[in-house]
């Protein structure tokens, strides 16, 4: 076994913490609900866009595009209210 094989065999894998799991579950539920009611709108999840201020890329949880408008959705806290701007 080479060095990389030894490294991967000794690597410790950690389970994600509770808030990470619940956050992913909330995003999944929101996506499922949105797709169910979206009709002919295009619904994209996990869209990565360039971030010129910080460098690199940033992820938007969901983009909903219709022929008249585009809505960007960033879900952060399942216990907070939803505002539309």
Protein backbone atom coordinates (compact mmCIF):
# COMPACT_ATOMS: atom_id res chain seq x y z
CA UNK A 1 0.00 0.00 0.00
CA UNK A 2 1.41 3.38 -1.00
CA UNK A 3 1.42 6.55 1.06
CA UNK A 4 -1.92 7.74 -0.28
CA UNK A 5 -3.52 4.38 0.49
CA UNK A 6 -2.12 4.50 4.02
CA UNK A 7 -3.37 8.05 4.48
CA UNK A 8 -6.90 7.16 3.35
CA UNK A 9 -6.99 4.03 5.50
CA UNK A 10 -6.10 6.04 8.63
CA UNK A 11 -8.30 9.04 7.90
CA UNK A 12 -10.98 9.62 10.53
CA UNK A 13 -14.47 10.32 9.20
CA UNK A 14 -16.75 12.54 11.26
CA UNK A 15 -20.51 12.55 11.05
CA UNK A 16 -22.07 15.97 10.35
CA UNK A 17 -23.38 17.85 13.37
CA UNK A 18 -27.11 18.08 14.07
CA UNK A 19 -27.60 21.62 12.79
CA UNK A 20 -25.91 20.70 9.49
CA UNK A 21 -28.16 17.69 8.98
CA UNK A 22 -31.32 19.64 9.88
CA UNK A 23 -30.27 22.49 7.57
CA UNK A 24 -29.85 20.13 4.63
CA UNK A 25 -33.17 18.48 5.42
CA UNK A 26 -34.92 21.87 5.54
CA UNK A 27 -33.41 22.84 2.15
CA UNK A 28 -34.54 19.52 0.68
CA UNK A 29 -38.09 19.98 1.98
CA UNK A 30 -38.24 23.55 0.67
CA UNK A 31 -37.04 22.37 -2.75
CA UNK A 32 -39.60 19.56 -2.85
CA UNK A 33 -42.43 21.93 -1.92
CA UNK A 34 -41.32 24.56 -4.43
CA UNK A 35 -41.11 22.08 -7.29
CA UNK A 36 -44.58 20.78 -6.43
CA UNK A 37 -46.18 24.23 -6.83
CA UNK A 38 -43.84 25.84 -9.39
CA UNK A 39 -45.85 24.94 -12.45
CA UNK A 40 -43.84 25.82 -15.57
CA UNK A 41 -41.17 27.76 -13.65
CA UNK A 42 -37.57 26.60 -13.79
CA UNK A 43 -36.34 25.66 -10.30
CA UNK A 44 -32.60 25.21 -9.78
CA UNK A 45 -30.88 24.23 -6.54
CA UNK A 46 -27.34 24.78 -5.29
CA UNK A 47 -26.43 27.36 -7.94
CA UNK A 48 -22.84 28.54 -7.60
CA UNK A 49 -22.05 32.10 -8.67
CA UNK A 50 -18.79 34.09 -8.74
CA UNK A 51 -18.12 36.27 -5.69
CA UNK A 52 -16.01 39.24 -6.83
CA UNK A 53 -15.75 40.74 -3.32
CA UNK A 54 -14.44 37.65 -1.53
CA UNK A 55 -13.01 35.85 -4.52
CA UNK A 56 -14.00 32.32 -5.37
CA UNK A 57 -17.65 31.27 -5.53
CA UNK A 58 -20.78 31.43 -3.43
CA UNK A 59 -23.80 29.13 -3.39
CA UNK A 60 -27.42 30.22 -3.69
CA UNK A 61 -29.80 27.61 -2.27
CA UNK A 62 -32.48 27.99 -4.93
CA UNK A 63 -33.22 30.01 -8.06
CA UNK A 64 -36.77 30.14 -9.40
CA UNK A 65 -37.10 31.53 -12.93
CA UNK A 66 -40.34 32.34 -14.71
CA UNK A 67 -40.81 34.22 -17.96
CA UNK A 68 -41.40 37.45 -15.98
CA UNK A 69 -39.01 37.30 -13.03
CA UNK A 70 -36.17 35.53 -11.26
CA UNK A 71 -36.31 34.80 -7.53
CA UNK A 72 -33.22 33.95 -5.47
CA UNK A 73 -33.87 31.98 -2.28
CA UNK A 74 -31.36 31.58 0.53
CA UNK A 75 -32.71 29.49 3.40
CA UNK A 76 -30.84 30.00 6.64
CA UNK A 77 -33.04 29.35 9.66
CA UNK A 78 -36.14 27.12 9.53
CA UNK A 79 -37.59 28.88 12.59
CA UNK A 80 -37.53 32.38 11.14
CA UNK A 81 -40.13 34.04 8.95
CA UNK A 82 -39.93 34.34 5.17
CA UNK A 83 -39.70 37.83 3.67
CA UNK A 84 -40.22 38.74 0.03
CA UNK A 85 -38.52 41.80 -1.43
